[in-house]
Amino acid sequence: MKRKFLVKLAIGFLIFLMAGAANATVINFDDIAAPPDFASQTPLASEYSPLGVNFAGTGEVLSYIGNFGVSLDPPFTYNNFLAFNSEASAFPPETITFDFEIDFFSIDFAGSIGTIELTAFNNSTQVAVNSLFSNSSRSWSNVSLSLASGFDEVIFNVTGTDNSFVLDNLNFNGSSPVPEPSTMLLLGCGLLGLAGATRRKLKK
């Protein structure tokens, strides 16, 4: 009975490790109590640090009822988005850093007319750039980066005539920072070894 329990526990830890080693995460900003206007909010910073994600810039999480004039149809998810408006001193670039390497990043945006640009860095070294021109101020579009070698920082920037826009559904694939994969692997292997030793002992 003890051996079966240890085997199940070890397998459970290894499954948890594999799930955490390469998971997909979506941040839609809806878990923040957000006002409808810039004057009542502060820039997004470390609110998502428990997920290993931090923001640096002037973008603020606002409620959709602030009426940015964008479509409220999918892919938008109620109730919030990350908002920018140059007239409210909230303008790009927005830097998003990760406590671990990711291999995919995407974000939905609406309300900007100009060139949307994502720049990826790994250990402060630029590794990729993806840009596209947006000519629709109301409907939602998506911009993404995919890189097999991994990256740990993304800078979102907009250049053009319109710097009033919103972001939603930040999506990334990466390694879970908690618990550390190496720690979990050692623990899982140790439990499997203990289960094997117990089995050999019972056979004697």
Protein backbone atom coordinates (compact mmCIF):
# COMPACT_ATOMS: atom_id res chain seq x y z
CA MET A 1 0.00 0.00 0.00
CA LYS A 2 2.81 2.37 0.90
CA ARG A 3 4.64 1.55 -2.35
CA LYS A 4 1.54 2.23 -4.45
CA PHE A 5 1.01 5.55 -2.71
CA LEU A 6 4.62 6.62 -3.35
CA VAL A 7 4.41 5.63 -7.02
CA LYS A 8 1.19 7.60 -7.49
CA LEU A 9 2.66 10.59 -5.67
CA ALA A 10 5.79 10.54 -7.83
CA ILE A 11 3.79 10.27 -11.04
CA GLY A 12 1.57 13.11 -9.91
CA PHE A 13 4.60 15.35 -9.29
CA LEU A 14 6.08 14.52 -12.68
CA ILE A 15 2.80 15.31 -14.45
CA PHE A 16 2.62 18.60 -12.57
CA LEU A 17 6.19 19.34 -13.62
CA MET A 18 5.47 18.68 -17.29
CA ALA A 19 2.35 20.85 -17.14
CA GLY A 20 4.28 23.71 -15.56
CA ALA A 21 7.28 23.43 -17.87
CA ALA A 22 5.41 24.61 -20.95
CA ASN A 23 2.07 26.18 -20.20
CA ALA A 24 -0.12 28.70 -21.97
CA THR A 25 -1.27 31.73 -20.00
CA VAL A 26 -3.73 34.48 -20.92
CA ILE A 27 -3.91 37.84 -19.15
CA ASN A 28 -7.14 39.68 -20.00
CA PHE A 29 -6.87 42.33 -17.25
CA ASP A 30 -10.39 41.55 -16.01
CA ASP A 31 -9.24 40.56 -12.52
CA ILE A 32 -8.34 44.17 -11.67
CA ALA A 33 -10.89 46.59 -10.22
CA ALA A 34 -10.62 49.24 -12.92
CA PRO A 35 -12.10 52.73 -13.24
CA PRO A 36 -13.30 54.13 -16.59
CA ASP A 37 -10.82 57.02 -16.78
CA PHE A 38 -7.08 57.64 -16.63
CA ALA A 39 -7.31 60.19 -13.83
CA SER A 40 -8.49 57.52 -11.39
CA GLN A 41 -5.90 54.88 -12.28
CA THR A 42 -2.14 54.35 -12.16
CA PRO A 43 0.08 52.63 -14.75
CA LEU A 44 0.16 48.85 -14.75
CA ALA A 45 3.34 47.57 -13.08
CA SER A 46 3.73 44.51 -10.82
CA GLU A 47 0.09 43.42 -10.54
CA TYR A 48 0.89 40.20 -12.42
CA SER A 49 4.24 39.48 -10.78
CA PRO A 50 2.80 36.30 -9.14
CA LEU A 51 2.61 34.97 -12.72
CA GLY A 52 6.18 36.05 -13.36
CA VAL A 53 5.08 38.96 -15.58
CA ASN A 54 5.84 42.65 -15.00
CA PHE A 55 4.94 45.79 -16.92
CA ALA A 56 6.86 49.04 -17.34
CA GLY A 57 5.28 51.95 -19.15
CA THR A 58 2.32 54.28 -18.93
CA GLY A 59 -0.51 51.94 -19.97
CA GLU A 60 -3.38 51.76 -17.48
CA VAL A 61 -6.04 49.10 -16.93
CA LEU A 62 -9.45 50.73 -17.50
CA SER A 63 -13.04 49.56 -17.70
CA TYR A 64 -14.69 49.36 -21.12
CA ILE A 65 -17.35 51.82 -19.98
CA GLY A 66 -14.80 54.59 -20.52
CA ASN A 67 -15.89 54.35 -24.18
CA PHE A 68 -12.76 54.14 -26.28
CA GLY A 69 -14.87 53.71 -29.39
CA VAL A 70 -13.65 50.19 -30.10
CA SER A 71 -15.69 47.10 -30.83
CA LEU A 72 -16.88 45.24 -27.74
CA ASP A 73 -17.31 42.02 -29.70
CA PRO A 74 -14.89 39.07 -29.38
CA PRO A 75 -11.97 38.74 -29.04
CA PHE A 76 -12.54 41.44 -26.40
CA THR A 77 -13.34 39.92 -23.00
CA TYR A 78 -15.33 41.99 -20.51
CA ASN A 79 -14.71 44.15 -18.52
CA ASN A 80 -11.24 45.65 -18.85
CA PHE A 81 -8.42 46.38 -21.25
CA LEU A 82 -4.97 47.96 -21.06
CA ALA A 83 -5.52 51.49 -22.36
CA PHE A 84 -3.31 54.17 -23.88
CA ASN A 85 -4.01 57.77 -24.82
CA SER A 86 -1.26 60.27 -25.58
CA GLU A 87 -3.48 63.14 -24.44
CA ALA A 88 -3.68 61.51 -20.98
CA SER A 89 0.10 60.95 -20.85
CA ALA A 90 -0.44 57.23 -21.38
CA PHE A 91 1.46 56.31 -24.50
CA PRO A 92 3.75 53.56 -25.82
CA PRO A 93 6.16 51.91 -25.63
CA GLU A 94 5.06 49.36 -23.05
CA THR A 95 7.69 46.89 -21.82
CA ILE A 96 6.60 43.44 -20.64
CA THR A 97 9.20 41.30 -18.89
CA PHE A 98 9.04 37.65 -17.85
CA ASP A 99 10.84 35.87 -15.01
CA PHE A 100 11.37 32.95 -17.39
CA GLU A 101 11.78 32.33 -21.10
CA ILE A 102 8.75 32.20 -23.36
CA ASP A 103 8.54 31.02 -26.95
CA PHE A 104 5.25 32.64 -28.01
CA PHE A 105 3.61 35.99 -27.35
CA SER A 106 0.47 37.56 -28.80
CA ILE A 107 -1.89 40.38 -27.96
CA ASP A 108 -5.15 41.76 -29.35
CA PHE A 109 -5.40 45.49 -30.00
CA ALA A 110 -7.93 48.02 -31.27
CA GLY A 111 -8.15 51.75 -31.75
CA SER A 112 -4.77 52.52 -33.26
CA ILE A 113 -4.04 53.68 -36.79
CA GLY A 114 -0.36 53.28 -37.53
CA THR A 115 2.43 50.72 -37.31
CA ILE A 116 2.20 48.21 -34.48
CA GLU A 117 5.56 46.75 -33.47
CA LEU A 118 6.63 43.95 -31.14
CA THR A 119 10.32 43.65 -30.30
CA ALA A 120 11.61 40.60 -28.41
CA PHE A 121 14.71 40.43 -26.23
CA ASN A 122 16.53 37.62 -24.49
CA ASN A 123 18.93 38.65 -21.71
CA SER A 124 18.73 42.25 -22.99
CA THR A 125 19.73 41.20 -26.53
CA GLN A 126 17.24 41.92 -29.31
CA VAL A 127 16.26 38.64 -30.98
CA ALA A 128 13.18 39.41 -33.11
CA VAL A 129 10.85 42.13 -34.40
CA ASN A 130 7.36 41.83 -35.84
CA SER A 131 5.44 44.82 -37.17
CA LEU A 132 2.21 45.40 -39.06
CA PHE A 133 0.18 48.36 -40.19
CA SER A 134 -3.25 48.85 -38.64
CA ASN A 135 -5.77 50.94 -40.56
CA SER A 136 -8.89 50.19 -38.54
CA SER A 137 -9.62 52.21 -35.42
CA ARG A 138 -12.60 50.16 -34.19
CA SER A 139 -12.17 46.46 -34.98
CA TRP A 140 -9.73 44.17 -33.19
CA SER A 141 -6.51 42.83 -34.68
CA ASN A 142 -3.76 40.59 -33.35
CA VAL A 143 0.01 40.79 -33.40
CA SER A 144 2.29 37.98 -32.25
CA LEU A 145 5.83 36.70 -31.96
CA SER A 146 7.00 33.09 -32.04
CA LEU A 147 10.62 32.16 -31.47
CA ALA A 148 12.00 28.68 -30.84
CA SER A 149 15.10 29.98 -29.05
CA GLY A 150 12.99 31.81 -26.44
CA PHE A 151 12.81 35.37 -25.12
CA ASP A 152 12.12 37.05 -21.79
CA GLU A 153 11.08 40.60 -22.71
CA VAL A 154 8.69 42.16 -25.21
CA ILE A 155 8.33 45.84 -26.06
CA PHE A 156 4.99 46.86 -27.58
CA ASN A 157 5.20 50.08 -29.57
CA VAL A 158 3.03 52.10 -31.93
CA THR A 159 4.13 54.70 -34.43
CA GLY A 160 1.66 56.67 -36.51
CA THR A 161 -1.04 59.27 -36.29
CA ASP A 162 -3.21 57.72 -33.58
CA ASN A 163 -1.89 56.75 -30.13
CA SER A 164 -5.29 56.17 -28.53
CA PHE A 165 -5.79 52.40 -28.36
CA VAL A 166 -6.42 49.44 -26.08
CA LEU A 167 -4.93 45.96 -25.58
CA ASP A 168 -6.56 42.75 -24.45
CA ASN A 169 -5.81 39.02 -24.17
CA LEU A 170 -2.06 38.95 -23.64
CA ASN A 171 -1.20 35.34 -24.45
CA PHE A 172 2.13 33.61 -23.91
CA ASN A 173 3.68 30.17 -23.67
CA GLY A 174 6.46 29.69 -21.19
CA SER A 175 7.87 27.90 -18.18
CA SER A 176 6.09 28.30 -14.90
CA PRO A 177 8.36 30.14 -12.46
CA VAL A 178 6.85 28.45 -9.40
CA PRO A 179 7.79 25.77 -8.61
CA GLU A 180 11.21 25.58 -10.24
CA PRO A 181 11.28 22.72 -12.78
CA SER A 182 14.67 21.44 -11.58
CA THR A 183 13.42 21.22 -8.00
CA MET A 184 10.28 19.38 -9.03
CA LEU A 185 12.24 16.98 -11.25
CA LEU A 186 14.59 16.07 -8.42
CA LEU A 187 11.68 15.56 -6.05
CA GLY A 188 9.77 13.41 -8.52
CA CYS A 189 12.80 11.26 -9.31
CA GLY A 190 13.54 10.90 -5.61
CA LEU A 191 10.01 9.68 -4.94
CA LEU A 192 10.21 7.19 -7.80
CA GLY A 193 13.53 5.93 -6.44
CA LEU A 194 12.06 5.58 -2.96
CA ALA A 195 9.10 3.67 -4.35
CA GLY A 196 11.46 1.32 -6.20
CA ALA A 197 13.56 0.74 -3.11
CA THR A 198 10.44 -0.04 -1.08
CA ARG A 199 9.32 -2.53 -3.71
CA ARG A 200 12.67 -4.34 -3.67
CA LYS A 201 12.59 -4.47 0.12
CA LEU A 202 9.11 -6.02 0.11
CA LYS A 203 10.24 -8.75 -2.31
CA LYS A 204 13.09 -9.92 -0.01
